Amino acid sequence: MKVALCTEILYPIYGVERRVYEMAKRLKKFGVEADVYTSSSQSELPDVRIKQMSRRTITKPPKRNYAFCTQYVSNLIRELIKNKDGYDVIDANGHLSLIPCASAGRIIKKPVVATIHDLYLSEWKQMYRGRGSFFGLPFELLSAKMPFSKIITLNTALKKRMIDKLHLPAEKIEIIPSGIDVAHIKKIKSTKRDGNRVIYVGRLVPQKNIDMLIRAFSGIKNAELWIVGEGGEGQKLKELAKKIRADSVKFIGKIESHDALIKEIKQSAMLVLPSNRENFGIVPLESMACGTPVISTATEGPVDYIESGRNGFVVPIGDEKALRQKIETLLADKALQNKFSKNGMKTAEKYDWDKIVARIAEVYREIV
């Protein structure tokens, strides 16, 4: 079987990109050959087969170059039609790929899977502060309702939203979360854990709500907060930390090597994810695989795998006081840290990438 994996961008690797990249690498184990249609270049990820449709549409997330987006869409439709006999299935990942893939699939009579990672609906203006946000909702509604053979989504809340808000048939939607490389994470060696270090890993963008984490941490003594990542909010967050005299907050920047990042997570007392929204959350699961306890806000993805009090803590979205209390509780209680560490590692085992990709390959076989 051959599949065309279509995603607007594949590198730098974040959530959607990680999923498509891992699929492209692993599908062959399950009898599926994959080509990736994207705006990233082959030189950026030489270990997967890339067909570049345009220049990179996103250079400084979340800002897009709309001329390159248009080029990506038009070239994607043309290339999929041109290679009509080359693929058994088309898998569209992310909003920009949905309409061109569905359109091409209908013309060449090939089944199309839509992997929908998130729905913003009425929240487009909060997520994207630009003129493009005005077109976000109608574009999203149109793209999600295209005639797909199957829709894959990442969490329970998103499936419910598709049924309740978009009136999509429940039997057409399957939940297949993203995953982690459990075996590789286990192999990475680290030095002694720093019992006073709290770490955040992710983009520095508004929806991650890092300003709340900084304010919550400013009242915590004898500990330091590492903020690992880059993004448009970086300078604003540094100014906030300076203003409230949060001297224990350290801005590390982006750690390019994934292995080096995993090592730092292993050496931290806990990982905190304060997001306003998180459709899955690979980093908390990687932290759990590291044996590093996790605290997350009650966003869509993490609530599917974090059972508060058993394998981590979940706090209400935006609740600064509750976040501070849970951080302080976990820093002070070694027995609780050990409990979360052991249970978190057991949870992480269920989300190994091979198990996830095997389920995706099975969906392909069902619709061919």
Foldseek 3Di string as FASTA:
>chain_A
DEEEEEDAAQPPHDFLNVQVVLLQQQLVVVVYHYEYEYQDDCVVPVNGHYDHQFHRQDDAPPDGDVVRLVSSLVSLLVVCLVCLVVHQEYEYEDLSRQVSRLVSCVVSVHAYEYEYEDDCAVNLCVQDVDPVSVCRNVSNLVSVPRDHQAYEYAFDVRLVCCCPPNVDDSVRYDHQHAADALVVLVPQDADAADLQEEEEADEQDVQQVVLLVLVLQQPDPPHAYEYEEYHDCVVVSVVSCVVSVSVRYHYDYHDPDPSVVSRVLLNYQAYEGQGNADSADHPQLSSLSSLHAYEYEPHGHVVVQDDDQQQHHYHHRPDSNVVSVRVVVSSVDPVSSNRNSVVSSVSNVCRRNNNSSSVVVVVSVVSD
